[in-house]
Amino acid sequence: MRIGSRTIREAAGVNLALADQGTSTTLLLLRHGETALTPEKRLSGSGGSDPALSETGERQAEAAGRRLVARGAVQAVVSSPMRRAQQTAEAAARRLGLEVHVDEGLREADFGAWEGLTFAEVRERYPDEMAAWLASPTAVPGGTGETFTAVARRAALSRDRLLTRYEGQTVLVVSHVGVLRTLVRLALGAPPGSLFRMELAAASLSAVAYDGEGHASVRLLNDTSHLADHR
């Protein structure tokens, strides 16, 4: 099936070099647990502080680890370099008996001068800039931040590295809401504006499977059932 002059897998942004792979590879996407900034919905990217998990976030990470052990078949754990993601990954990896590998491309976006602000505060202080950011993936947040186009580029590179390195395996990918939404968006072949229409809660699990021809299939999205007693 074709979309204009592009195949489905091209629209989804999957490197065509993966097309000859003969086995399915699954990326389990785990957003890090809560920090002190999460309940207030404050922007917390790679351009500001690097907060640790809160007590709630630590409980969430442990709950996610238990869920992954019960699920089974996780063969590798890869994390963003940021502290909250690594703490979440380490909690899961301990239970899975695996090591944590770090991929720099999985870090959160840089929000520039907006770091630490809520969406409401950004809208009040920078209304024009906020409107431009919501409308276009090439808009620079906070004056010096990272565009969603740039985030998508490095997220896709990280994805392709993982699909090549862990071909045929199930990999736990621990990262941030911006990067994980981007990976889901690319899997769906959805437009950039869809990023703002996805809910990926703290410590939620999603899953994308890639078949031997490079086709992506979203199998799970924003599953928080394991957090029922760990809010």
Protein backbone atom coordinates (compact mmCIF):
# COMPACT_ATOMS: atom_id res chain seq x y z
CA MET A 1 0.00 0.00 0.00
CA ARG A 2 1.27 3.48 -0.88
CA ILE A 3 0.61 7.02 0.34
CA GLY A 4 1.36 9.22 -2.62
CA SER A 5 4.92 8.28 -3.56
CA ARG A 6 5.77 6.95 -0.10
CA THR A 7 5.16 3.56 1.44
CA ILE A 8 3.55 3.18 4.85
CA ARG A 9 6.90 2.41 6.45
CA GLU A 10 8.44 5.55 4.94
CA ALA A 11 5.57 7.65 6.29
CA ALA A 12 6.19 6.18 9.73
CA GLY A 13 9.81 7.32 9.56
CA VAL A 14 11.42 3.89 9.88
CA ASN A 15 14.88 3.57 8.35
CA LEU A 16 14.45 1.52 5.18
CA ALA A 17 17.72 -0.27 5.94
CA LEU A 18 15.66 -2.21 8.48
CA ALA A 19 13.38 -3.54 5.76
CA ASP A 20 15.41 -6.71 5.27
CA GLN A 21 15.23 -7.74 8.91
CA GLY A 22 13.32 -10.97 9.34
CA THR A 23 12.16 -10.78 12.94
CA SER A 24 9.92 -8.58 15.05
CA THR A 25 11.45 -6.16 17.54
CA THR A 26 9.41 -4.56 20.33
CA LEU A 27 10.18 -1.31 22.11
CA LEU A 28 8.46 -1.04 25.48
CA LEU A 29 8.23 2.68 26.17
CA LEU A 30 8.29 3.60 29.86
CA ARG A 31 7.99 7.22 30.91
CA HIS A 32 9.99 7.99 34.05
CA GLY A 33 8.20 8.25 37.39
CA GLU A 34 7.11 11.51 38.97
CA THR A 35 9.45 14.23 40.19
CA ALA A 36 8.43 17.18 42.35
CA LEU A 37 7.61 19.07 39.13
CA THR A 38 5.35 16.44 37.57
CA PRO A 39 2.12 16.95 39.59
CA GLU A 40 2.28 20.68 38.84
CA LYS A 41 2.73 19.91 35.12
CA ARG A 42 5.84 22.06 34.89
CA LEU A 43 8.06 21.84 31.83
CA SER A 44 11.14 19.87 32.80
CA GLY A 45 13.52 19.37 29.92
CA SER A 46 17.22 18.93 29.30
CA GLY A 47 17.88 22.67 29.47
CA GLY A 48 16.97 23.13 33.13
CA SER A 49 17.54 21.28 36.38
CA ASP A 50 17.72 17.49 36.39
CA PRO A 51 15.34 16.56 39.22
CA ALA A 52 15.38 13.20 40.92
CA LEU A 53 12.32 11.03 41.39
CA SER A 54 10.04 11.98 44.24
CA GLU A 55 8.95 9.34 46.76
CA THR A 56 5.86 8.80 44.64
CA GLY A 57 8.03 8.46 41.56
CA GLU A 58 10.21 5.87 43.26
CA ARG A 59 7.13 3.82 44.14
CA GLN A 60 5.90 4.14 40.57
CA ALA A 61 9.25 2.94 39.21
CA GLU A 62 9.17 -0.11 41.46
CA ALA A 63 5.58 -0.83 40.40
CA ALA A 64 6.57 -0.62 36.75
CA GLY A 65 9.44 -3.00 37.43
CA ARG A 66 7.08 -5.54 38.98
CA ARG A 67 4.76 -5.25 35.99
CA LEU A 68 7.63 -5.86 33.58
CA VAL A 69 8.81 -8.93 35.50
CA ALA A 70 5.29 -10.32 35.36
CA ARG A 71 5.14 -9.60 31.63
CA GLY A 72 8.47 -11.31 31.00
CA ALA A 73 10.58 -11.43 27.83
CA VAL A 74 12.44 -8.11 28.34
CA GLN A 75 15.99 -8.63 27.12
CA ALA A 76 17.53 -5.16 27.39
CA VAL A 77 17.01 -1.85 29.21
CA VAL A 78 17.99 1.46 27.61
CA SER A 79 17.59 4.85 29.27
CA SER A 80 17.82 8.55 28.72
CA PRO A 81 20.91 10.02 30.42
CA MET A 82 18.75 12.22 32.67
CA ARG A 83 18.59 11.32 36.36
CA ARG A 84 14.86 10.68 36.68
CA ALA A 85 14.90 8.32 33.72
CA GLN A 86 17.99 6.45 34.91
CA GLN A 87 16.49 6.02 38.39
CA THR A 88 13.34 4.58 36.83
CA ALA A 89 15.35 2.33 34.53
CA GLU A 90 17.54 1.09 37.38
CA ALA A 91 14.49 0.15 39.46
CA ALA A 92 13.15 -1.94 36.60
CA ALA A 93 16.53 -3.38 35.64
CA ARG A 94 17.20 -4.62 39.18
CA ARG A 95 14.04 -6.68 39.09
CA LEU A 96 14.74 -7.89 35.56
CA GLY A 97 18.35 -8.81 36.34
CA LEU A 98 19.63 -6.60 33.54
CA GLU A 99 22.05 -3.69 33.13
CA VAL A 100 21.00 -0.20 32.10
CA HIS A 101 22.46 1.13 28.87
CA VAL A 102 22.29 4.88 28.21
CA ASP A 103 21.37 6.46 24.87
CA GLU A 104 21.97 10.21 24.71
CA GLY A 105 19.33 10.61 22.02
CA LEU A 106 16.60 9.70 24.51
CA ARG A 107 17.04 12.84 26.64
CA GLU A 108 14.08 15.21 27.00
CA ALA A 109 13.69 18.28 24.79
CA ASP A 110 15.26 21.57 25.86
CA PHE A 111 12.54 24.15 26.62
CA GLY A 112 14.85 27.14 26.93
CA ALA A 113 13.49 29.96 29.11
CA TRP A 114 10.29 28.00 29.65
CA GLU A 115 11.99 25.42 31.85
CA GLY A 116 10.18 25.06 35.17
CA LEU A 117 7.05 26.91 34.02
CA THR A 118 3.56 25.49 33.63
CA PHE A 119 1.76 25.72 30.29
CA ALA A 120 -0.50 28.39 31.80
CA GLU A 121 2.51 30.46 32.86
CA VAL A 122 4.11 30.15 29.43
CA ARG A 123 0.85 31.15 27.74
CA GLU A 124 0.56 34.19 29.99
CA ARG A 125 4.19 35.36 29.65
CA TYR A 126 4.94 34.29 26.06
CA PRO A 127 1.57 34.10 24.27
CA ASP A 128 2.84 34.59 20.71
CA GLU A 129 5.77 32.23 21.13
CA MET A 130 3.52 29.59 22.70
CA ALA A 131 1.04 29.83 19.83
CA ALA A 132 3.86 29.42 17.31
CA TRP A 133 5.25 26.41 19.18
CA LEU A 134 1.87 24.67 19.25
CA ALA A 135 1.39 25.36 15.54
CA SER A 136 4.76 24.34 14.11
CA PRO A 137 7.41 21.70 14.91
CA THR A 138 10.09 24.12 13.70
CA ALA A 139 9.29 26.77 16.36
CA VAL A 140 11.96 27.26 19.02
CA PRO A 141 10.58 27.10 22.58
CA GLY A 142 11.83 29.57 25.16
CA GLY A 143 14.05 31.42 22.73
CA THR A 144 16.95 28.96 22.89
CA GLY A 145 15.24 25.59 23.20
CA GLU A 146 14.98 22.60 20.89
CA THR A 147 12.43 22.31 18.11
CA PHE A 148 10.23 19.25 17.81
CA THR A 149 11.77 18.70 14.38
CA ALA A 150 15.16 18.29 16.07
CA VAL A 151 13.68 16.03 18.75
CA ALA A 152 12.09 13.84 16.07
CA ARG A 153 15.39 13.57 14.21
CA ARG A 154 17.39 12.34 17.19
CA ALA A 155 14.54 10.13 18.48
CA ALA A 156 14.39 8.42 15.09
CA LEU A 157 18.15 7.88 15.12
CA SER A 158 17.95 6.35 18.60
CA ARG A 159 15.07 4.13 17.50
CA ASP A 160 17.00 2.90 14.49
CA ARG A 161 20.07 2.16 16.63
CA LEU A 162 17.93 0.10 18.99
CA LEU A 163 16.19 -1.79 16.20
CA THR A 164 19.54 -2.70 14.70
CA ARG A 165 21.33 -3.53 17.96
CA TYR A 166 18.47 -5.53 19.50
CA GLU A 167 16.93 -7.08 16.41
CA GLY A 168 14.28 -9.65 17.33
CA GLN A 169 14.28 -8.71 21.02
CA THR A 170 12.07 -6.80 23.43
CA VAL A 171 13.73 -3.65 24.74
CA LEU A 172 12.61 -1.45 27.63
CA VAL A 173 13.14 2.19 26.62
CA VAL A 174 12.95 4.62 29.56
CA SER A 175 12.61 8.22 28.50
CA HIS A 176 10.46 11.36 28.68
CA VAL A 177 7.06 12.46 27.50
CA GLY A 178 8.34 14.50 24.55
CA VAL A 179 10.56 11.76 23.16
CA LEU A 180 8.09 8.93 23.79
CA ARG A 181 5.21 10.83 22.21
CA THR A 182 7.49 11.41 19.23
CA LEU A 183 8.28 7.70 18.90
CA VAL A 184 4.57 6.88 18.97
CA ARG A 185 3.82 9.63 16.46
CA LEU A 186 6.46 8.34 14.08
CA ALA A 187 5.14 4.79 14.44
CA LEU A 188 1.66 5.99 13.49
CA GLY A 189 2.86 8.25 10.68
CA ALA A 190 0.86 11.01 12.40
CA PRO A 191 1.45 14.77 11.95
CA PRO A 192 3.51 16.75 14.49
CA GLY A 193 0.38 18.34 15.97
CA SER A 194 -0.66 14.93 17.30
CA LEU A 195 2.02 15.27 20.00
CA PHE A 196 -0.34 17.53 21.94
CA ARG A 197 -3.20 15.04 21.65
CA MET A 198 -1.54 12.13 23.45
CA GLU A 199 -1.55 11.47 27.17
CA LEU A 200 1.50 9.60 28.46
CA ALA A 201 1.31 9.69 32.24
CA ALA A 202 4.29 9.36 34.56
CA ALA A 203 5.48 5.73 34.72
CA SER A 204 3.04 4.71 31.97
CA LEU A 205 3.86 1.91 29.56
CA SER A 206 3.36 1.93 25.81
CA ALA A 207 4.64 -0.52 23.20
CA VAL A 208 5.53 -0.39 19.52
CA ALA A 209 6.44 -3.50 17.53
CA TYR A 210 8.47 -3.37 14.30
CA ASP A 211 8.24 -6.29 11.92
CA GLY A 212 10.94 -7.63 9.63
CA GLU A 213 9.95 -5.20 6.88
CA GLY A 214 10.18 -2.16 9.13
CA HIS A 215 6.43 -1.69 9.58
CA ALA A 216 5.50 -0.23 12.98
CA SER A 217 2.47 -1.31 15.01
CA VAL A 218 1.41 0.46 18.22
CA ARG A 219 0.38 -2.33 20.59
CA LEU A 220 -0.12 -0.42 23.85
CA LEU A 221 -0.53 3.22 24.84
CA ASN A 222 -0.42 4.95 28.24
CA ASP A 223 -1.06 1.84 30.33
CA THR A 224 -1.06 2.81 34.02
CA SER A 225 -2.87 -0.23 35.44
CA HIS A 226 0.23 -1.16 37.47
CA LEU A 227 0.06 2.19 39.30
CA ALA A 228 -3.38 1.72 40.89
CA ASP A 229 -1.92 1.62 44.41
CA HIS A 230 1.12 3.85 43.78
CA ARG A 231 -0.25 7.31 42.93
